[in-house]
Protein backbone atom coordinates (compact mmCIF):
# COMPACT_ATOMS: atom_id res chain seq x y z
CA MET A 1 72.23 -12.15 10.09
CA LYS A 2 69.03 -13.69 11.42
CA THR A 3 66.77 -15.68 9.13
CA ILE A 4 62.98 -15.29 9.63
CA ASN A 5 61.22 -18.64 9.71
CA TYR A 6 57.97 -17.68 7.94
CA LYS A 7 56.68 -21.23 8.04
CA CYS A 8 56.97 -21.28 11.85
CA ILE A 9 55.18 -17.92 12.16
CA TYR A 10 52.41 -19.12 9.83
CA LEU A 11 51.87 -22.31 11.83
CA THR A 12 51.82 -20.35 15.12
CA LEU A 13 49.21 -17.91 13.80
CA LEU A 14 47.14 -20.76 12.44
CA LEU A 15 47.27 -22.50 15.82
CA LEU A 16 46.25 -19.29 17.66
CA THR A 17 43.36 -18.72 15.27
CA THR A 18 42.19 -22.30 15.73
CA ILE A 19 42.39 -22.06 19.53
CA THR A 20 40.57 -18.73 19.52
CA GLY A 21 37.90 -20.16 17.26
CA PHE A 22 37.33 -23.08 19.60
CA ALA A 23 37.28 -20.70 22.57
CA GLN A 24 34.34 -18.76 21.13
CA LYS A 25 30.77 -19.97 21.05
CA THR A 26 27.50 -18.67 19.71
CA VAL A 27 24.43 -18.71 21.95
CA THR A 28 21.08 -18.39 20.23
CA ILE A 29 18.25 -16.75 22.17
CA LYS A 30 14.81 -16.85 20.56
CA ILE A 31 12.22 -14.47 22.03
CA LEU A 32 8.54 -15.09 21.29
CA GLU A 33 5.88 -12.51 22.18
CA THR A 34 2.10 -12.36 22.14
CA SER A 35 0.22 -9.15 22.82
CA ASP A 36 -3.34 -7.85 22.95
CA VAL A 37 -4.74 -11.37 22.77
CA HIS A 38 -8.05 -10.09 24.19
CA GLY A 39 -9.29 -13.46 25.34
CA SER A 40 -8.56 -15.29 22.06
CA ILE A 41 -7.51 -18.41 23.89
CA PHE A 42 -9.43 -21.00 21.88
CA PRO A 43 -9.89 -21.24 18.10
CA PHE A 44 -13.53 -20.17 18.32
CA ASP A 45 -15.17 -16.75 18.22
CA TYR A 46 -17.80 -17.03 20.95
CA ILE A 47 -19.21 -13.60 20.11
CA ASN A 48 -20.00 -14.34 16.47
CA ASN A 49 -20.51 -18.08 17.03
CA ARG A 50 -18.01 -19.26 14.43
CA PRO A 51 -14.46 -20.69 14.21
CA ALA A 52 -11.64 -18.21 14.74
CA GLN A 53 -8.50 -18.05 12.62
CA SER A 54 -6.14 -17.39 15.53
CA SER A 55 -5.78 -18.31 19.20
CA LEU A 56 -3.30 -19.20 21.91
CA SER A 57 -3.90 -22.87 21.10
CA GLN A 58 -2.13 -22.22 17.78
CA VAL A 59 0.55 -20.11 19.41
CA TYR A 60 1.31 -23.05 21.69
CA SER A 61 1.83 -25.35 18.70
CA TYR A 62 4.52 -23.00 17.41
CA VAL A 63 6.08 -22.55 20.84
CA LYS A 64 6.42 -26.32 21.29
CA GLN A 65 8.01 -26.59 17.86
CA GLU A 66 10.62 -23.96 18.72
CA ARG A 67 11.31 -25.37 22.18
CA ALA A 68 12.07 -28.75 20.60
CA LYS A 69 15.04 -27.27 18.72
CA LYS A 70 18.13 -27.99 20.80
CA ASP A 71 20.31 -25.29 19.24
CA GLN A 72 18.37 -22.36 20.73
CA ASN A 73 17.02 -21.04 24.03
CA VAL A 74 13.38 -19.97 23.87
CA LEU A 75 11.75 -17.33 26.06
CA LEU A 76 7.99 -16.74 25.83
CA PHE A 77 6.46 -13.41 26.84
CA ASP A 78 3.02 -11.82 26.81
CA ASN A 79 2.53 -8.07 26.58
CA GLY A 80 -0.87 -7.46 28.15
CA ASP A 81 -4.54 -6.89 27.34
CA ILE A 82 -5.46 -10.53 27.77
CA LEU A 83 -8.25 -10.09 30.37
CA GLN A 84 -10.79 -8.36 28.10
CA GLY A 85 -12.38 -9.31 24.80
CA GLN A 86 -13.85 -12.73 24.21
CA PRO A 87 -16.55 -14.01 26.64
CA THR A 88 -13.99 -16.61 27.73
CA VAL A 89 -12.20 -14.09 29.94
CA TYR A 90 -15.35 -12.22 30.99
CA TYR A 91 -16.78 -15.48 32.30
CA SER A 92 -13.62 -16.27 34.25
CA ASN A 93 -13.18 -12.70 35.54
CA PHE A 94 -16.73 -12.02 36.72
CA ILE A 95 -18.88 -15.17 36.66
CA ASP A 96 -16.73 -18.15 37.68
CA THR A 97 -14.68 -16.23 40.24
CA THR A 98 -13.93 -19.06 42.68
CA ASN A 99 -11.84 -21.17 40.33
CA GLN A 100 -8.41 -20.24 39.01
CA ASN A 101 -8.65 -17.68 36.24
CA ILE A 102 -8.57 -19.29 32.79
CA VAL A 103 -5.76 -16.95 31.72
CA SER A 104 -3.44 -17.97 34.54
CA GLN A 105 -4.30 -21.62 33.87
CA VAL A 106 -3.44 -21.25 30.18
CA PHE A 107 -0.34 -19.11 30.68
CA ASN A 108 1.07 -21.52 33.26
CA PHE A 109 0.32 -24.49 31.02
CA MET A 110 2.04 -22.84 28.06
CA GLY A 111 5.07 -22.03 30.19
CA TYR A 112 5.23 -18.28 29.74
CA ASP A 113 8.42 -16.83 31.20
CA ALA A 114 7.20 -13.28 31.89
CA ALA A 115 4.43 -10.86 31.03
CA THR A 116 3.49 -7.20 31.23
CA LEU A 117 0.03 -5.89 32.10
CA GLY A 118 -2.07 -3.83 29.71
CA ASN A 119 -4.71 -1.18 30.36
CA HIS A 120 -7.53 -3.68 29.77
CA ASP A 121 -6.02 -5.95 32.42
CA ILE A 122 -6.26 -3.07 34.89
CA GLU A 123 -9.83 -2.53 33.63
CA ALA A 124 -10.78 -5.94 35.04
CA GLY A 125 -10.31 -4.48 38.52
CA PRO A 126 -8.09 -5.23 41.53
CA LYS A 127 -9.98 -8.35 42.59
CA VAL A 128 -9.19 -9.90 39.22
CA TYR A 129 -5.62 -8.74 38.59
CA ASN A 130 -4.45 -9.27 42.17
CA LYS A 131 -5.85 -12.81 42.08
CA MET A 132 -4.15 -13.35 38.72
CA ARG A 133 -0.82 -12.15 40.06
CA ASP A 134 -1.00 -14.72 42.84
CA GLU A 135 -1.91 -17.51 40.40
CA LEU A 136 0.77 -16.89 37.78
CA LYS A 137 4.00 -18.88 38.03
CA PHE A 138 6.12 -16.18 36.40
CA PRO A 139 6.75 -12.42 36.84
CA TRP A 140 3.92 -10.01 35.90
CA MET A 141 5.51 -6.63 35.32
CA ALA A 142 4.76 -2.91 35.05
CA ALA A 143 7.65 -0.80 36.37
CA ASN A 144 5.81 2.51 35.97
CA ALA A 145 2.67 1.40 37.86
CA VAL A 146 3.76 2.39 41.35
CA ASN A 147 2.24 1.95 44.77
CA GLU A 148 0.92 5.27 46.06
CA SER A 149 1.91 4.48 49.64
CA ASP A 150 5.65 4.00 49.10
CA GLY A 151 6.38 4.88 45.44
CA LYS A 152 7.66 1.38 44.68
CA PRO A 153 6.41 -0.63 41.69
CA TYR A 154 3.02 -2.23 42.39
CA PHE A 155 4.02 -5.09 40.08
CA LEU A 156 7.55 -6.31 39.38
CA PRO A 157 9.68 -3.81 37.41
CA TYR A 158 11.90 -6.36 35.64
CA THR A 159 13.10 -9.95 35.64
CA THR A 160 16.33 -11.74 34.68
CA PHE A 161 17.28 -14.92 32.81
CA GLN A 162 20.55 -16.82 32.35
CA LYS A 163 20.94 -18.81 29.15
CA GLU A 164 24.29 -20.55 28.50
CA GLY A 165 26.22 -17.80 30.22
CA VAL A 166 24.24 -14.97 28.62
CA LYS A 167 22.38 -12.71 31.07
CA ILE A 168 19.08 -11.26 29.85
CA VAL A 169 17.02 -8.62 31.61
CA VAL A 170 13.41 -7.86 30.63
CA ILE A 171 11.81 -4.58 31.72
CA GLY A 172 8.02 -4.28 31.74
CA LEU A 173 6.16 -0.98 31.19
CA ILE A 174 2.45 -0.16 30.84
CA THR A 175 0.86 2.75 28.98
CA PRO A 176 0.40 5.66 31.42
CA GLY A 177 -2.86 6.80 29.78
CA ILE A 178 -4.99 4.70 32.13
CA PRO A 179 -6.21 7.60 34.33
CA HIS A 180 -7.79 9.14 31.20
CA TRP A 181 -9.81 5.98 30.50
CA LEU A 182 -10.48 4.09 33.71
CA PRO A 183 -12.01 5.16 37.04
CA LYS A 184 -9.80 5.28 40.11
CA VAL A 185 -11.77 2.42 41.68
CA LEU A 186 -10.04 0.08 39.20
CA TRP A 187 -6.53 1.17 40.25
CA PRO A 188 -7.09 2.35 43.84
CA ASP A 189 -3.61 1.84 45.25
CA MET A 190 -1.40 2.93 42.39
CA ARG A 191 -0.40 5.74 40.09
CA PHE A 192 1.13 5.62 36.61
CA GLU A 193 4.40 7.37 35.81
CA SER A 194 6.14 8.38 32.60
CA MET A 195 7.39 5.46 30.54
CA LEU A 196 10.38 7.47 29.34
CA SER A 197 11.67 8.50 32.77
CA THR A 198 10.93 5.04 34.21
CA ALA A 199 12.85 3.37 31.38
CA LYS A 200 15.84 5.66 31.93
CA TYR A 201 15.85 4.96 35.66
CA TRP A 202 15.63 1.18 35.43
CA VAL A 203 18.11 0.83 32.56
CA ASP A 204 20.62 2.78 34.64
CA GLN A 205 19.92 0.69 37.75
CA ILE A 206 20.04 -2.60 35.85
CA LYS A 207 23.33 -1.79 34.16
CA LYS A 208 24.87 -1.09 37.56
CA THR A 209 23.43 -3.98 39.54
CA GLU A 210 22.70 -6.74 37.02
CA LYS A 211 25.35 -6.09 34.33
CA PRO A 212 23.26 -7.79 31.62
CA ASP A 213 24.37 -8.86 28.18
CA ILE A 214 20.92 -8.21 26.67
CA ILE A 215 18.17 -5.78 27.69
CA ILE A 216 14.67 -6.33 26.36
CA GLY A 217 11.71 -3.99 26.74
CA LEU A 218 8.26 -5.54 27.11
CA PHE A 219 6.05 -2.47 26.72
CA HIS A 220 2.28 -2.34 26.56
CA SER A 221 2.43 0.82 24.49
CA GLY A 222 2.33 1.58 20.79
CA HIS A 223 5.01 3.06 18.55
CA ASP A 224 3.26 6.14 17.09
CA ALA A 225 3.60 8.97 19.61
CA LYS A 226 1.44 11.22 17.39
CA TYR A 227 -1.53 8.83 17.42
CA GLY A 228 -4.79 10.58 18.25
CA ASP A 229 -3.19 14.03 17.87
CA GLN A 230 -1.02 13.44 20.94
CA ASP A 231 2.05 15.52 21.64
CA PRO A 232 5.13 13.30 21.08
CA ASN A 233 6.97 15.38 23.70
CA ASP A 234 4.36 14.76 26.39
CA VAL A 235 6.11 12.70 29.08
CA MET A 236 2.82 10.85 29.70
CA ASN A 237 2.32 9.95 26.04
CA GLU A 238 0.44 6.64 25.81
CA ASN A 239 2.55 5.36 22.89
CA SER A 240 6.16 5.92 23.95
CA SER A 241 7.82 2.71 22.78
CA GLN A 242 9.62 4.14 19.76
CA THR A 243 10.58 7.25 21.72
CA ILE A 244 12.26 5.06 24.34
CA ALA A 245 14.02 2.99 21.68
CA GLN A 246 15.52 6.16 20.24
CA LYS A 247 16.20 8.12 23.43
CA VAL A 248 17.18 5.50 26.02
CA PRO A 249 20.39 3.64 25.01
CA GLY A 250 20.74 0.10 26.27
CA PHE A 251 17.81 -1.76 24.78
CA ASP A 252 18.52 -4.49 22.22
CA VAL A 253 14.89 -5.40 21.48
CA ILE A 254 11.61 -3.73 22.44
CA LEU A 255 8.48 -5.86 22.18
CA ILE A 256 5.37 -3.70 22.03
CA GLY A 257 1.58 -3.79 21.83
CA HIS A 258 -1.51 -1.72 22.74
CA ASP A 259 -1.97 -0.22 19.27
CA HIS A 260 -2.90 -3.51 17.52
CA ASP A 261 -0.44 -2.58 14.80
CA GLU A 262 2.00 -4.70 12.82
CA LEU A 263 5.65 -3.69 13.02
CA ASN A 264 9.08 -5.25 12.48
CA LYS A 265 11.59 -2.45 12.25
CA LYS A 266 14.92 -1.27 13.62
CA PHE A 267 15.52 2.24 14.98
CA LEU A 268 18.75 4.02 15.89
CA ASN A 269 19.21 5.29 19.43
CA THR A 270 21.23 8.32 20.51
CA ASN A 271 24.40 6.19 20.63
CA GLY A 272 23.93 5.09 17.03
CA ASP A 273 23.00 1.54 18.01
CA SER A 274 20.03 -0.19 16.39
CA VAL A 275 17.03 -1.32 18.42
CA LEU A 276 14.58 -3.86 17.03
CA ILE A 277 10.87 -3.15 17.66
CA LEU A 278 8.30 -5.90 17.11
CA ASP A 279 4.51 -5.51 17.32
CA PRO A 280 2.28 -8.59 16.70
CA THR A 281 -1.12 -6.87 16.16
CA SER A 282 -3.87 -8.52 18.28
CA ALA A 283 -6.02 -11.60 18.95
CA ALA A 284 -3.01 -13.95 18.62
CA ARG A 285 -2.94 -13.35 14.86
CA PHE A 286 0.84 -13.00 14.92
CA ILE A 287 3.72 -13.98 17.17
CA SER A 288 6.66 -11.60 17.44
CA GLU A 289 9.92 -13.51 17.05
CA ALA A 290 13.32 -11.99 17.81
CA THR A 291 16.41 -14.14 17.25
CA ILE A 292 19.52 -12.96 19.09
CA LYS A 293 22.82 -14.67 18.28
CA VAL A 294 25.42 -13.85 20.91
CA ASN A 295 29.12 -14.57 20.35
CA ILE A 296 31.00 -15.06 23.62
CA ASP A 297 34.62 -15.95 24.37
CA ILE A 298 35.98 -18.58 26.73
CA LYS A 299 35.74 -16.16 29.67
CA GLY A 300 32.09 -15.42 28.98
CA LYS A 301 32.67 -11.98 27.52
CA VAL A 302 30.25 -10.96 24.80
CA LEU A 303 32.11 -10.30 21.56
CA GLY A 304 29.11 -9.42 19.43
CA LYS A 305 25.37 -9.74 18.88
CA LYS A 306 23.30 -10.26 15.77
CA ILE A 307 19.57 -9.54 16.09
CA THR A 308 16.86 -10.31 13.56
CA GLY A 309 13.09 -10.20 13.80
CA LYS A 310 9.99 -11.49 12.08
CA LEU A 311 6.27 -11.87 12.65
CA ILE A 312 4.80 -15.37 12.53
CA GLU A 313 1.21 -15.58 11.28
CA THR A 314 -0.81 -18.17 13.18
CA LYS A 315 -3.84 -18.78 10.96
CA THR A 316 -2.11 -21.65 9.12
CA ILE A 317 -0.93 -23.29 12.35
CA LYS A 318 -3.08 -26.08 13.78
CA PRO A 319 -4.30 -25.84 17.39
CA ASP A 320 -2.34 -28.02 19.79
CA SER A 321 -4.36 -31.13 20.64
CA LEU A 322 -3.02 -31.40 24.20
CA PHE A 323 -3.95 -27.76 24.79
CA MET A 324 -7.50 -28.32 23.57
CA ASP A 325 -7.91 -31.49 25.62
CA LYS A 326 -6.54 -29.82 28.75
CA PHE A 327 -9.16 -27.05 28.64
CA LYS A 328 -12.13 -28.89 27.14
CA ASP A 329 -14.23 -28.46 30.30
CA CYS A 330 -13.64 -24.72 30.14
CA THR A 331 -14.85 -24.51 26.55
CA LYS A 332 -18.04 -26.35 27.52
CA ASN A 333 -18.69 -23.86 30.31
CA ILE A 334 -18.16 -20.91 27.97
CA GLU A 335 -20.51 -22.41 25.39
CA THR A 336 -23.23 -22.84 28.04
CA PHE A 337 -22.71 -19.24 29.18
CA VAL A 338 -22.84 -17.54 25.76
CA ASN A 339 -25.63 -19.72 24.33
CA ARG A 340 -28.18 -18.78 26.97
CA LYS A 341 -31.17 -17.06 25.33
CA ILE A 342 -32.19 -13.79 26.98
CA ALA A 343 -34.82 -12.28 24.66
CA ASP A 344 -36.15 -11.95 21.10
CA PHE A 345 -35.47 -9.04 18.76
CA THR A 346 -38.28 -8.22 16.34
CA GLU A 347 -35.87 -6.40 14.01
CA SER A 348 -32.21 -6.68 13.02
CA THR A 349 -29.90 -3.83 13.93
CA SER A 350 -26.40 -2.83 12.78
CA THR A 351 -23.72 -0.33 13.75
CA GLN A 352 -23.22 0.54 10.08
CA ASP A 353 -26.26 2.83 10.14
CA SER A 354 -24.92 4.76 13.12
CA TYR A 355 -22.29 6.64 11.10
CA PHE A 356 -24.82 8.49 8.96
CA GLY A 357 -27.53 9.59 11.37
CA SER A 358 -29.89 8.40 14.07
CA SER A 359 -29.81 4.59 14.16
CA SER A 360 -31.60 1.76 15.93
CA PHE A 361 -28.34 0.26 17.25
CA ILE A 362 -27.00 3.32 19.10
CA ASP A 363 -30.48 4.56 20.02
CA PHE A 364 -31.11 1.21 21.69
CA ILE A 365 -28.08 1.87 23.90
CA HIS A 366 -29.32 5.43 24.50
CA SER A 367 -32.75 4.17 25.54
CA SER A 368 -31.32 1.61 27.93
CA GLN A 369 -28.85 4.08 29.47
CA LEU A 370 -31.62 6.62 30.06
CA SER A 371 -33.90 3.97 31.55
CA ILE A 372 -31.22 2.52 33.81
CA SER A 373 -29.69 5.83 34.97
CA LYS A 374 -32.77 8.11 34.99
CA ALA A 375 -30.54 10.78 33.43
CA ASP A 376 -31.83 13.63 31.25
CA ILE A 377 -29.50 13.07 28.31
CA SER A 378 -27.45 10.10 27.06
CA PHE A 379 -24.20 10.03 25.11
CA ALA A 380 -23.02 6.90 23.26
CA ALA A 381 -20.90 5.81 20.29
CA PRO A 382 -20.46 2.60 18.27
CA LEU A 383 -17.88 0.43 20.02
CA SER A 384 -17.52 -2.01 17.12
CA TYR A 385 -16.79 -0.69 13.64
CA SER A 386 -19.21 -3.08 11.95
CA THR A 387 -21.39 -5.55 13.80
CA SER A 388 -25.04 -6.54 13.90
CA ILE A 389 -27.61 -8.38 15.96
CA LYS A 390 -30.06 -10.31 13.82
CA LYS A 391 -33.82 -10.52 14.15
CA GLY A 392 -34.91 -13.48 16.28
CA PRO A 393 -33.49 -15.08 19.44
CA VAL A 394 -30.86 -12.99 21.24
CA TYR A 395 -28.22 -14.72 23.34
CA VAL A 396 -25.66 -13.69 25.93
CA ARG A 397 -23.00 -13.69 23.20
CA ASP A 398 -24.88 -10.89 21.39
CA MET A 399 -24.33 -8.60 24.38
CA PHE A 400 -20.64 -8.52 23.46
CA LYS A 401 -21.66 -7.12 20.07
CA LEU A 402 -23.98 -4.60 21.65
CA TYR A 403 -21.36 -3.37 24.11
CA LYS A 404 -17.74 -4.35 23.57
CA PHE A 405 -16.01 -3.08 26.70
CA GLU A 406 -16.44 -3.39 30.47
CA ASN A 407 -17.17 0.32 31.04
CA PHE A 408 -19.25 1.46 33.99
CA LEU A 409 -22.32 3.66 33.45
CA TYR A 410 -21.69 7.18 34.76
CA VAL A 411 -24.18 9.92 35.55
CA MET A 412 -22.53 13.34 35.47
CA ASN A 413 -23.57 16.99 35.71
CA LEU A 414 -23.09 19.13 32.60
CA THR A 415 -24.51 22.53 31.74
CA GLY A 416 -26.50 23.05 28.55
CA LYS A 417 -23.57 24.98 27.09
CA GLU A 418 -21.17 22.12 27.89
CA ILE A 419 -23.55 19.63 26.27
CA ASP A 420 -23.57 21.75 23.12
CA SER A 421 -19.74 21.96 23.19
CA TYR A 422 -19.53 18.21 23.77
CA LEU A 423 -21.54 17.52 20.61
CA GLU A 424 -19.65 20.11 18.57
CA TYR A 425 -16.42 18.36 19.53
CA SER A 426 -17.80 14.94 18.61
CA TYR A 427 -19.15 15.95 15.20
CA SER A 428 -16.02 17.96 14.33
CA HIS A 429 -14.10 14.68 14.52
CA TRP A 430 -16.85 12.70 12.80
CA PHE A 431 -18.24 14.77 9.92
CA ASN A 432 -16.55 16.68 7.15
CA THR A 433 -17.49 20.29 6.33
CA MET A 434 -19.34 19.94 3.02
CA THR A 435 -19.62 22.54 0.24
CA SER A 436 -21.69 20.36 -2.10
CA SER A 437 -22.99 16.82 -2.52
CA ASP A 438 -19.65 15.97 -4.14
CA ASP A 439 -17.93 16.18 -0.77
CA HIS A 440 -17.66 13.34 1.73
CA LEU A 441 -19.96 13.37 4.74
CA ILE A 442 -17.56 11.30 6.85
CA LYS A 443 -14.19 12.78 7.73
CA PHE A 444 -11.74 10.37 6.11
CA LYS A 445 -7.99 10.37 6.53
CA LEU A 446 -6.16 12.05 3.67
CA GLY A 447 -2.61 11.47 2.48
CA LYS A 448 -0.08 14.14 1.58
CA ASP A 449 -1.54 14.34 -1.91
CA GLN A 450 -5.07 14.75 -0.42
CA THR A 451 -6.19 11.34 -1.63
CA LEU A 452 -8.03 8.94 0.66
CA GLU A 453 -5.81 6.70 2.76
CA LEU A 454 -6.80 3.04 2.75
CA ARG A 455 -6.67 0.35 5.42
CA LYS A 456 -5.06 -3.01 4.76
CA ASP A 457 -8.45 -4.44 3.74
CA GLY A 458 -8.80 -1.80 1.02
CA LYS A 459 -11.50 0.21 2.80
CA VAL A 460 -11.06 3.88 3.59
CA GLN A 461 -9.35 4.99 6.78
CA LEU A 462 -11.33 7.21 9.15
CA ASP A 463 -9.56 10.37 10.25
CA ASN A 464 -10.57 9.71 13.86
CA ASN A 465 -11.61 6.73 15.96
CA TYR A 466 -15.22 5.63 15.43
CA TYR A 467 -15.65 4.81 19.11
CA ASN A 468 -15.46 8.55 19.78
CA PHE A 469 -18.41 9.37 17.47
CA ASP A 470 -20.85 10.23 20.26
CA SER A 471 -24.44 11.13 19.47
CA ALA A 472 -27.06 12.13 22.05
CA ALA A 473 -30.56 11.17 23.12
CA GLY A 474 -32.95 13.08 25.36
CA ILE A 475 -32.73 16.16 23.12
CA PHE A 476 -33.77 17.18 19.60
CA TYR A 477 -30.94 18.62 17.52
CA THR A 478 -29.62 19.05 13.97
CA VAL A 479 -26.10 18.81 12.59
CA ASP A 480 -25.50 21.19 9.68
CA VAL A 481 -22.45 19.89 7.81
CA SER A 482 -22.35 22.97 5.59
CA LYS A 483 -21.26 25.00 8.61
CA PRO A 484 -17.72 25.17 10.02
CA GLU A 485 -16.45 23.11 12.92
CA GLY A 486 -17.73 24.43 16.21
CA ASP A 487 -20.93 25.72 14.67
CA LYS A 488 -22.58 22.59 13.26
CA VAL A 489 -24.92 21.62 16.12
CA THR A 490 -28.22 23.28 16.95
CA ILE A 491 -30.15 21.90 19.93
CA THR A 492 -33.84 22.79 19.57
CA SER A 493 -35.47 21.27 22.67
CA MET A 494 -35.57 18.41 25.11
CA ALA A 495 -37.05 15.16 23.80
CA ASP A 496 -40.30 15.83 25.67
CA GLY A 497 -40.70 19.21 23.93
CA SER A 498 -39.61 21.36 26.88
CA PRO A 499 -37.00 24.08 26.26
CA PHE A 500 -33.31 23.27 26.31
CA ASP A 501 -31.47 25.81 28.46
CA LEU A 502 -27.78 26.51 27.87
CA ASN A 503 -27.44 27.75 31.46
CA LYS A 504 -29.22 24.84 33.14
CA THR A 505 -27.39 21.86 34.64
CA TYR A 506 -28.48 18.47 33.28
CA ARG A 507 -27.68 14.94 34.31
CA ILE A 508 -26.06 13.04 31.48
CA ALA A 509 -25.47 9.29 31.12
CA THR A 510 -22.18 8.20 29.59
CA SER A 511 -19.47 5.56 29.91
CA SER A 512 -16.74 5.63 32.53
CA PHE A 513 -14.25 5.78 29.64
CA ARG A 514 -15.76 9.05 28.49
CA GLY A 515 -16.34 10.29 32.03
CA ASN A 516 -12.66 9.96 32.88
CA GLY A 517 -11.60 11.99 29.86
CA GLY A 518 -11.35 9.31 27.16
CA GLY A 519 -11.72 10.75 23.68
CA GLY A 520 -11.31 14.32 24.90
CA HIS A 521 -15.02 15.24 24.77
CA LEU A 522 -15.15 16.55 28.32
CA ILE A 523 -11.64 17.98 28.59
CA GLN A 524 -10.96 19.44 25.14
CA GLY A 525 -14.60 19.65 24.05
CA CYS A 526 -16.30 21.04 27.16
CA GLY A 527 -13.18 22.64 28.61
CA ILE A 528 -13.45 20.87 31.97
CA PRO A 529 -10.02 20.41 33.61
CA ALA A 530 -9.11 16.75 34.04
CA ASP A 531 -8.75 17.12 37.81
CA GLN A 532 -12.33 18.43 38.04
CA LEU A 533 -14.06 15.58 36.20
CA ASN A 534 -14.61 13.57 39.36
CA SER A 535 -16.48 16.50 40.94
CA ARG A 536 -19.03 16.25 38.09
CA LEU A 537 -19.76 12.58 38.83
CA VAL A 538 -23.18 12.03 40.42
CA HIS A 539 -22.97 8.24 40.61
CA SER A 540 -21.60 5.17 38.88
CA THR A 541 -22.80 1.61 38.47
CA ASP A 542 -20.83 -1.01 40.35
CA LYS A 543 -20.87 -3.40 37.38
CA ASP A 544 -20.20 -2.93 33.69
CA ILE A 545 -22.78 -1.45 31.31
CA ARG A 546 -23.10 -4.77 29.45
CA TYR A 547 -24.36 -6.44 32.62
CA TYR A 548 -27.14 -3.88 33.02
CA LEU A 549 -28.01 -3.99 29.32
CA LEU A 550 -28.41 -7.76 29.57
CA LYS A 551 -30.69 -7.47 32.60
CA TRP A 552 -32.72 -4.69 30.95
CA ILE A 553 -33.22 -6.70 27.76
CA GLU A 554 -33.95 -9.90 29.66
CA ALA A 555 -36.72 -8.19 31.62
CA GLN A 556 -38.46 -7.07 28.42
CA LYS A 557 -38.33 -10.54 26.79
CA VAL A 558 -39.38 -9.13 23.38
CA VAL A 559 -37.47 -6.09 22.12
CA THR A 560 -37.92 -3.89 19.06
CA PRO A 561 -34.75 -1.92 18.29
CA LYS A 562 -35.81 1.34 16.69
CA SER A 563 -34.39 4.71 15.85
CA LEU A 564 -35.53 7.53 18.11
CA ASN A 565 -35.05 10.05 15.27
CA LEU A 566 -34.01 12.77 17.71
CA TRP A 567 -31.31 14.18 15.45
CA ASN A 568 -30.72 14.61 11.75
CA VAL A 569 -28.00 15.81 9.40
CA ILE A 570 -28.57 18.65 6.91
CA PRO A 571 -28.55 19.73 4.06
CA ALA A 572 -30.58 16.57 3.45
CA ASP A 573 -30.02 16.37 -0.31
CA TRP A 574 -26.23 16.61 0.06
CA VAL A 575 -26.22 14.11 2.91
CA LYS A 576 -28.28 11.55 0.97
CA VAL A 577 -25.83 11.47 -1.95
CA ALA A 578 -22.74 11.50 0.28
CA THR A 579 -24.10 8.76 2.55
CA GLU A 580 -24.53 6.31 -0.33
CA ARG A 581 -21.02 6.99 -1.56
CA ASP A 582 -19.33 6.95 1.85
CA ARG A 583 -21.16 3.85 3.02
CA ASP A 584 -19.85 1.96 0.01
CA LEU A 585 -16.31 3.19 0.69
CA MET A 586 -16.53 2.09 4.32
CA PHE A 587 -18.25 -1.26 3.99
CA GLY A 588 -18.35 -2.23 0.30
CA SER A 589 -20.01 -5.59 -0.33
CA LYS A 590 -20.35 -6.20 3.42
CA GLN A 591 -23.08 -3.61 3.84
CA GLU A 592 -25.94 -4.58 6.14
């Protein structure tokens, strides 16, 4: 009879466990992401002439801190929309064009490892983004922006990294909604394909050819596929990041942007695996941080992964002194640029008035658009939720308040009937249908219990985007909010008193964003097919509207912003009561 030596077995198992334990190691990968920085490079708001709470100078302080930790491998990514926003980038894009772009200087200095383009980077135009691509010392990606000539990605589709035996692949995607917002002249050699199908294709290719341990998505696209009443099943949905996380197995982390939202959440894909999505809002206010701990054996095989995420707020982080010293000459140039006086305003003007009727702020834009374009009718909306230009000296920086984006000025042909439909569409998204003075004038977002939904700052949430609240000039009209949607607007005459004819074709002035279908006014409102919009275009400026506004104001030297009073909202007694109430809900103590 054999005797089992339990002590020997125990010692053998203990030895095997010890050897196995020593054979394994844990590799820590820390991913840091910025997105939608919009030119917030320095800790100063050059538009409002005051210190800013967040900037890339603060991001760099945190990045240096994390890179100094020897027990982790840090990768730094940006997710697009850096080339529009603060005057810093406008100056580098369009004024100081001979020197290296400030963004590529800063990104190279900070040691970014990869980046994806955003729609506002495309908006800067091919001269700017092609120059940037040549200047950057790391991959700039957008797998679904393809070259029309050969169908291959115009930018790089993905990039790879090796960290302590762990292979990481990062796939870049850009929102495909660009053709609805930007004229073809800004993306002349490319087309934009579905994010979902592109993600499926490249994940499959990468698994076969690269055999990665980790796949990361760097997507300039939001998470809410229903945003703006979009169809979540539309393959060209502008916010497909969550859809990809759930429907395309293989991703470990998806870093997103575009929507300026704040998100740190895991979602299950069709294989039952969790995918972390991080979204760091905008203007360098947060840094997305994903920590991936990878357990690998002695042969380099991955035994397991643990992934956690958090958002790092930057307002309490001090700007890096080396960063600020490195770019001090640039800040001086920006200060000189924005502080140049161009005219005097005899009155203050604010966008807050523009939500409740004819206002001096929007009517000033109308007047300038009509003067510059020689069109019959102008359409415009507030591009900043709440901003103002004060009475007195007006500087270049104030032009970024007056007009936020680098849109071109379009002149298009619309019939009188289409103009009426355009306005009906705008006001159906803007104004509520009132039954008494107890109702709201503004269409606010309601929750499931029909109570007002609030933003994070405690103010009410609009049901639709304010930058789509187009009013008109060049015509007299009324908006009757007691009538149903589609029947609120009555156009009485042209501004000069001549008849307005529903069957006549008029020349209208509007932004290139609107002229390419942005907001839906022309496509859903007027019923013009998207592929026919270009045939309505009479001409376009070759520079942005802000440039022409600046020149127009500069030529006048002294300007009096005033309301044209070409339209009004009725019933007047209801509107007066509702305006006071809604204005307080929207702006509270910050009313101007």
